[in-house]
Amino acid sequence: MRHSEFWERMEQHLGSAYAPVWADQQVLAELDGRTAAEALDAGVPPKVVWRAVWSRLGLPPSER
């Protein structure tokens, strides 16, 4: 997964205005206590970050 696909999925599920806010504010245990934005900035692969977001949002398996 590329960064662009990650952000497309975020916007699809949270909206274009709220997705970056959510990514900056929600701390995820699966990302070692970092936000999605912090994890991406630290070099965590977008696919790993997406799985953590997917889990937190309780999205269906088809969205994984």
PDB file of N, CA and C in Angstrom:
ATOM      1  N   MET A   1       0.850  -1.178   0.000  1.00  0.00           N
ATOM      2  CA  MET A   1       0.000   0.000   0.000  1.00  0.00           C
ATOM      3  C   MET A   1       0.892   1.237   0.000  1.00  0.00           C
ATOM      4  N   ARG A   2       0.518   2.194  -0.804  1.00  0.00           N
ATOM      5  CA  ARG A   2       1.226   3.467  -0.859  1.00  0.00           C
ATOM      6  C   ARG A   2       0.563   4.468   0.080  1.00  0.00           C
ATOM      7  N   HIS A   3       1.274   5.518   0.377  1.00  0.00           N
ATOM      8  CA  HIS A   3       0.727   6.571   1.231  1.00  0.00           C
ATOM      9  C   HIS A   3      -0.557   7.141   0.623  1.00  0.00           C
ATOM     10  N   SER A   4      -0.565   7.299  -0.687  1.00  0.00           N
ATOM     11  CA  SER A   4      -1.748   7.870  -1.341  1.00  0.00           C
ATOM     12  C   SER A   4      -2.965   6.967  -1.154  1.00  0.00           C
ATOM     13  N   GLU A   5      -2.777   5.660  -1.228  1.00  0.00           N
ATOM     14  CA  GLU A   5      -3.901   4.735  -1.014  1.00  0.00           C
ATOM     15  C   GLU A   5      -4.368   4.795   0.438  1.00  0.00           C
ATOM     16  N   PHE A   6      -3.416   4.891   1.363  1.00  0.00           N
ATOM     17  CA  PHE A   6      -3.775   5.015   2.774  1.00  0.00           C
ATOM     18  C   PHE A   6      -4.690   6.222   2.982  1.00  0.00           C
ATOM     19  N   TRP A   7      -4.280   7.374   2.441  1.00  0.00           N
ATOM     20  CA  TRP A   7      -5.069   8.591   2.630  1.00  0.00           C
ATOM     21  C   TRP A   7      -6.394   8.538   1.897  1.00  0.00           C
ATOM     22  N   GLU A   8      -6.446   7.869   0.756  1.00  0.00           N
ATOM     23  CA  GLU A   8      -7.718   7.685   0.056  1.00  0.00           C
ATOM     24  C   GLU A   8      -8.688   6.891   0.925  1.00  0.00           C
ATOM     25  N   ARG A   9      -8.190   5.842   1.542  1.00  0.00           N
ATOM     26  CA  ARG A   9      -9.048   5.028   2.418  1.00  0.00           C
ATOM     27  C   ARG A   9      -9.486   5.821   3.647  1.00  0.00           C
ATOM     28  N   MET A  10      -8.569   6.576   4.203  1.00  0.00           N
ATOM     29  CA  MET A  10      -8.934   7.397   5.358  1.00  0.00           C
ATOM     30  C   MET A  10     -10.054   8.363   4.989  1.00  0.00           C
ATOM     31  N   GLU A  11      -9.912   9.044   3.862  1.00  0.00           N
ATOM     32  CA  GLU A  11     -10.922   9.993   3.424  1.00  0.00           C
ATOM     33  C   GLU A  11     -12.241   9.309   3.090  1.00  0.00           C
ATOM     34  N   GLN A  12     -12.174   8.116   2.549  1.00  0.00           N
ATOM     35  CA  GLN A  12     -13.378   7.363   2.218  1.00  0.00           C
ATOM     36  C   GLN A  12     -14.198   7.077   3.478  1.00  0.00           C
ATOM     37  N   HIS A  13     -13.526   6.749   4.557  1.00  0.00           N
ATOM     38  CA  HIS A  13     -14.219   6.346   5.777  1.00  0.00           C
ATOM     39  C   HIS A  13     -14.469   7.487   6.752  1.00  0.00           C
ATOM     40  N   LEU A  14     -13.651   8.521   6.702  1.00  0.00           N
ATOM     41  CA  LEU A  14     -13.783   9.606   7.679  1.00  0.00           C
ATOM     42  C   LEU A  14     -14.102  10.963   7.057  1.00  0.00           C
ATOM     43  N   GLY A  15     -13.996  11.061   5.760  1.00  0.00           N
ATOM     44  CA  GLY A  15     -14.215  12.342   5.092  1.00  0.00           C
ATOM     45  C   GLY A  15     -12.900  13.089   4.938  1.00  0.00           C
ATOM     46  N   SER A  16     -12.845  13.921   3.925  1.00  0.00           N
ATOM     47  CA  SER A  16     -11.583  14.602   3.614  1.00  0.00           C
ATOM     48  C   SER A  16     -11.171  15.615   4.677  1.00  0.00           C
ATOM     49  N   ALA A  17     -12.126  16.201   5.370  1.00  0.00           N
ATOM     50  CA  ALA A  17     -11.789  17.189   6.401  1.00  0.00           C
ATOM     51  C   ALA A  17     -11.372  16.523   7.712  1.00  0.00           C
ATOM     52  N   TYR A  18     -12.030  15.428   8.056  1.00  0.00           N
ATOM     53  CA  TYR A  18     -11.782  14.808   9.355  1.00  0.00           C
ATOM     54  C   TYR A  18     -10.628  13.797   9.349  1.00  0.00           C
ATOM     55  N   ALA A  19     -10.351  13.191   8.215  1.00  0.00           N
ATOM     56  CA  ALA A  19      -9.304  12.155   8.151  1.00  0.00           C
ATOM     57  C   ALA A  19      -7.959  12.638   8.692  1.00  0.00           C
ATOM     58  N   PRO A  20      -7.446  13.799   8.263  1.00  0.00           N
ATOM     59  CA  PRO A  20      -6.147  14.223   8.803  1.00  0.00           C
ATOM     60  C   PRO A  20      -6.204  14.591  10.284  1.00  0.00           C
ATOM     61  N   VAL A  21      -7.341  15.097  10.726  1.00  0.00           N
ATOM     62  CA  VAL A  21      -7.498  15.421  12.149  1.00  0.00           C
ATOM     63  C   VAL A  21      -7.456  14.140  12.974  1.00  0.00           C
ATOM     64  N   TRP A  22      -8.206  13.145  12.540  1.00  0.00           N
ATOM     65  CA  TRP A  22      -8.242  11.855  13.235  1.00  0.00           C
ATOM     66  C   TRP A  22      -6.839  11.246  13.269  1.00  0.00           C
ATOM     67  N   ALA A  23      -6.146  11.283  12.136  1.00  0.00           N
ATOM     68  CA  ALA A  23      -4.799  10.700  12.047  1.00  0.00           C
ATOM     69  C   ALA A  23      -3.806  11.412  12.955  1.00  0.00           C
ATOM     70  N   ASP A  24      -4.038  12.690  13.234  1.00  0.00           N
ATOM     71  CA  ASP A  24      -3.156  13.458  14.115  1.00  0.00           C
ATOM     72  C   ASP A  24      -3.494  13.314  15.591  1.00  0.00           C
ATOM     73  N   GLN A  25      -4.720  12.872  15.910  1.00  0.00           N
ATOM     74  CA  GLN A  25      -5.157  12.894  17.306  1.00  0.00           C
ATOM     75  C   GLN A  25      -5.359  11.536  17.955  1.00  0.00           C
ATOM     76  N   GLN A  26      -5.692  10.521  17.186  1.00  0.00           N
ATOM     77  CA  GLN A  26      -5.997   9.215  17.772  1.00  0.00           C
ATOM     78  C   GLN A  26      -4.722   8.407  18.007  1.00  0.00           C
ATOM     79  N   VAL A  27      -4.423   8.154  19.258  1.00  0.00           N
ATOM     80  CA  VAL A  27      -3.248   7.353  19.623  1.00  0.00           C
ATOM     81  C   VAL A  27      -3.640   5.886  19.551  1.00  0.00           C
ATOM     82  N   LEU A  28      -2.838   5.094  18.866  1.00  0.00           N
ATOM     83  CA  LEU A  28      -3.147   3.683  18.651  1.00  0.00           C
ATOM     84  C   LEU A  28      -2.094   2.803  19.314  1.00  0.00           C
ATOM     85  N   ALA A  29      -2.551   1.930  20.194  1.00  0.00           N
ATOM     86  CA  ALA A  29      -1.637   1.026  20.896  1.00  0.00           C
ATOM     87  C   ALA A  29      -0.856   0.156  19.918  1.00  0.00           C
ATOM     88  N   GLU A  30      -1.516  -0.261  18.835  1.00  0.00           N
ATOM     89  CA  GLU A  30      -0.864  -1.125  17.846  1.00  0.00           C
ATOM     90  C   GLU A  30       0.311  -0.436  17.158  1.00  0.00           C
ATOM     91  N   LEU A  31       0.364   0.872  17.267  1.00  0.00           N
ATOM     92  CA  LEU A  31       1.449   1.650  16.660  1.00  0.00           C
ATOM     93  C   LEU A  31       2.405   2.164  17.734  1.00  0.00           C
ATOM     94  N   ASP A  32       2.527   1.402  18.811  1.00  0.00           N
ATOM     95  CA  ASP A  32       3.421   1.748  19.921  1.00  0.00           C
ATOM     96  C   ASP A  32       3.073   3.093  20.543  1.00  0.00           C
ATOM     97  N   GLY A  33       1.764   3.343  20.658  1.00  0.00           N
ATOM     98  CA  GLY A  33       1.313   4.564  21.314  1.00  0.00           C
ATOM     99  C   GLY A  33       1.486   5.817  20.481  1.00  0.00           C
ATOM    100  N   ARG A  34       1.574   5.646  19.178  1.00  0.00           N
ATOM    101  CA  ARG A  34       1.690   6.794  18.276  1.00  0.00           C
ATOM    102  C   ARG A  34       0.379   6.991  17.527  1.00  0.00           C
ATOM    103  N   THR A  35       0.210   8.161  16.975  1.00  0.00           N
ATOM    104  CA  THR A  35      -0.913   8.398  16.084  1.00  0.00           C
ATOM    105  C   THR A  35      -0.559   7.834  14.712  1.00  0.00           C
ATOM    106  N   ALA A  36      -1.555   7.728  13.840  1.00  0.00           N
ATOM    107  CA  ALA A  36      -1.298   7.250  12.484  1.00  0.00           C
ATOM    108  C   ALA A  36      -0.306   8.179  11.775  1.00  0.00           C
ATOM    109  N   ALA A  37      -0.483   9.476  11.943  1.00  0.00           N
ATOM    110  CA  ALA A  37       0.417  10.438  11.305  1.00  0.00           C
ATOM    111  C   ALA A  37       1.846  10.287  11.830  1.00  0.00           C
ATOM    112  N   GLU A  38       2.002  10.138  13.128  1.00  0.00           N
ATOM    113  CA  GLU A  38       3.338   9.962  13.713  1.00  0.00           C
ATOM    114  C   GLU A  38       3.988   8.677  13.206  1.00  0.00           C
ATOM    115  N   ALA A  39       3.205   7.606  13.131  1.00  0.00           N
ATOM    116  CA  ALA A  39       3.737   6.330  12.665  1.00  0.00           C
ATOM    117  C   ALA A  39       4.203   6.439  11.215  1.00  0.00           C
ATOM    118  N   LEU A  40       3.399   7.069  10.377  1.00  0.00           N
ATOM    119  CA  LEU A  40       3.801   7.249   8.980  1.00  0.00           C
ATOM    120  C   LEU A  40       5.069   8.086   8.889  1.00  0.00           C
ATOM    121  N   ASP A  41       5.136   9.150   9.663  1.00  0.00           N
ATOM    122  CA  ASP A  41       6.322  10.012   9.666  1.00  0.00           C
ATOM    123  C   ASP A  41       7.564   9.270  10.147  1.00  0.00           C
ATOM    124  N   ALA A  42       7.362   8.271  11.016  1.00  0.00           N
ATOM    125  CA  ALA A  42       8.476   7.496  11.552  1.00  0.00           C
ATOM    126  C   ALA A  42       8.902   6.359  10.622  1.00  0.00           C
ATOM    127  N   GLY A  43       8.191   6.216   9.501  1.00  0.00           N
ATOM    128  CA  GLY A  43       8.573   5.197   8.533  1.00  0.00           C
ATOM    129  C   GLY A  43       7.830   3.886   8.634  1.00  0.00           C
ATOM    130  N   VAL A  44       6.800   3.827   9.460  1.00  0.00           N
ATOM    131  CA  VAL A  44       5.992   2.610   9.540  1.00  0.00           C
ATOM    132  C   VAL A  44       5.255   2.474   8.209  1.00  0.00           C
ATOM    133  N   PRO A  45       5.265   1.280   7.612  1.00  0.00           N
ATOM    134  CA  PRO A  45       4.597   1.111   6.320  1.00  0.00           C
ATOM    135  C   PRO A  45       3.107   1.458   6.401  1.00  0.00           C
ATOM    136  N   PRO A  46       2.583   2.126   5.385  1.00  0.00           N
ATOM    137  CA  PRO A  46       1.172   2.501   5.395  1.00  0.00           C
ATOM    138  C   PRO A  46       0.226   1.317   5.611  1.00  0.00           C
ATOM    139  N   LYS A  47       0.586   0.152   5.113  1.00  0.00           N
ATOM    140  CA  LYS A  47      -0.264  -1.034   5.295  1.00  0.00           C
ATOM    141  C   LYS A  47      -0.395  -1.390   6.773  1.00  0.00           C
ATOM    142  N   VAL A  48       0.692  -1.283   7.517  1.00  0.00           N
ATOM    143  CA  VAL A  48       0.671  -1.562   8.953  1.00  0.00           C
ATOM    144  C   VAL A  48      -0.184  -0.524   9.674  1.00  0.00           C
ATOM    145  N   VAL A  49      -0.020   0.732   9.289  1.00  0.00           N
ATOM    146  CA  VAL A  49      -0.802   1.808   9.896  1.00  0.00           C
ATOM    147  C   VAL A  49      -2.274   1.616   9.565  1.00  0.00           C
ATOM    148  N   TRP A  50      -2.588   1.269   8.322  1.00  0.00           N
ATOM    149  CA  TRP A  50      -3.977   1.061   7.943  1.00  0.00           C
ATOM    150  C   TRP A  50      -4.618  -0.052   8.762  1.00  0.00           C
ATOM    151  N   ARG A  51      -3.898  -1.130   8.997  1.00  0.00           N
ATOM    152  CA  ARG A  51      -4.467  -2.227   9.789  1.00  0.00           C
ATOM    153  C   ARG A  51      -4.828  -1.766  11.193  1.00  0.00           C
ATOM    154  N   ALA A  52      -4.011  -0.922  11.776  1.00  0.00           N
ATOM    155  CA  ALA A  52      -4.313  -0.380  13.099  1.00  0.00           C
ATOM    156  C   ALA A  52      -5.542   0.529  13.048  1.00  0.00           C
ATOM    157  N   VAL A  53      -5.608   1.366  12.022  1.00  0.00           N
ATOM    158  CA  VAL A  53      -6.770   2.252  11.849  1.00  0.00           C
ATOM    159  C   VAL A  53      -8.015   1.418  11.608  1.00  0.00           C
ATOM    160  N   TRP A  54      -7.924   0.448  10.732  1.00  0.00           N
ATOM    161  CA  TRP A  54      -9.037  -0.458  10.406  1.00  0.00           C
ATOM    162  C   TRP A  54      -9.591  -1.096  11.670  1.00  0.00           C
ATOM    163  N   SER A  55      -8.692  -1.563  12.502  1.00  0.00           N
ATOM    164  CA  SER A  55      -9.101  -2.201  13.750  1.00  0.00           C
ATOM    165  C   SER A  55      -9.808  -1.211  14.670  1.00  0.00           C
ATOM    166  N   ARG A  56      -9.247  -0.025  14.854  1.00  0.00           N
ATOM    167  CA  ARG A  56      -9.826   0.986  15.735  1.00  0.00           C
ATOM    168  C   ARG A  56     -11.205   1.425  15.264  1.00  0.00           C
ATOM    169  N   LEU A  57     -11.362   1.559  13.952  1.00  0.00           N
ATOM    170  CA  LEU A  57     -12.637   2.012  13.411  1.00  0.00           C
ATOM    171  C   LEU A  57     -13.685   0.904  13.354  1.00  0.00           C
ATOM    172  N   GLY A  58     -13.244  -0.340  13.541  1.00  0.00           N
ATOM    173  CA  GLY A  58     -14.182  -1.459  13.494  1.00  0.00           C
ATOM    174  C   GLY A  58     -14.773  -1.672  12.122  1.00  0.00           C
ATOM    175  N   LEU A  59     -13.943  -1.501  11.111  1.00  0.00           N
ATOM    176  CA  LEU A  59     -14.411  -1.658   9.733  1.00  0.00           C
ATOM    177  C   LEU A  59     -14.567  -3.133   9.381  1.00  0.00           C
ATOM    178  N   PRO A  60     -15.393  -3.444   8.389  1.00  0.00           N
ATOM    179  CA  PRO A  60     -15.603  -4.835   8.001  1.00  0.00           C
ATOM    180  C   PRO A  60     -14.345  -5.442   7.373  1.00  0.00           C
ATOM    181  N   PRO A  61     -14.246  -6.769   7.424  1.00  0.00           N
ATOM    182  CA  PRO A  61     -13.066  -7.440   6.853  1.00  0.00           C
ATOM    183  C   PRO A  61     -12.795  -7.072   5.393  1.00  0.00           C
ATOM    184  N   SER A  62     -13.823  -6.775   4.641  1.00  0.00           N
ATOM    185  CA  SER A  62     -13.641  -6.423   3.231  1.00  0.00           C
ATOM    186  C   SER A  62     -12.843  -5.139   3.049  1.00  0.00           C
ATOM    187  N   GLU A  63     -12.743  -4.314   4.088  1.00  0.00           N
ATOM    188  CA  GLU A  63     -12.004  -3.065   4.016  1.00  0.00           C
ATOM    189  C   GLU A  63     -10.563  -3.179   4.476  1.00  0.00           C
ATOM    190  N   ARG A  64     -10.182  -4.347   4.903  1.00  0.00           N
ATOM    191  CA  ARG A  64      -8.836  -4.544   5.426  1.00  0.00           C
ATOM    192  C   ARG A  64      -7.846  -4.418   4.320  1.00  0.00           C
TER     193      ARG A  64
END
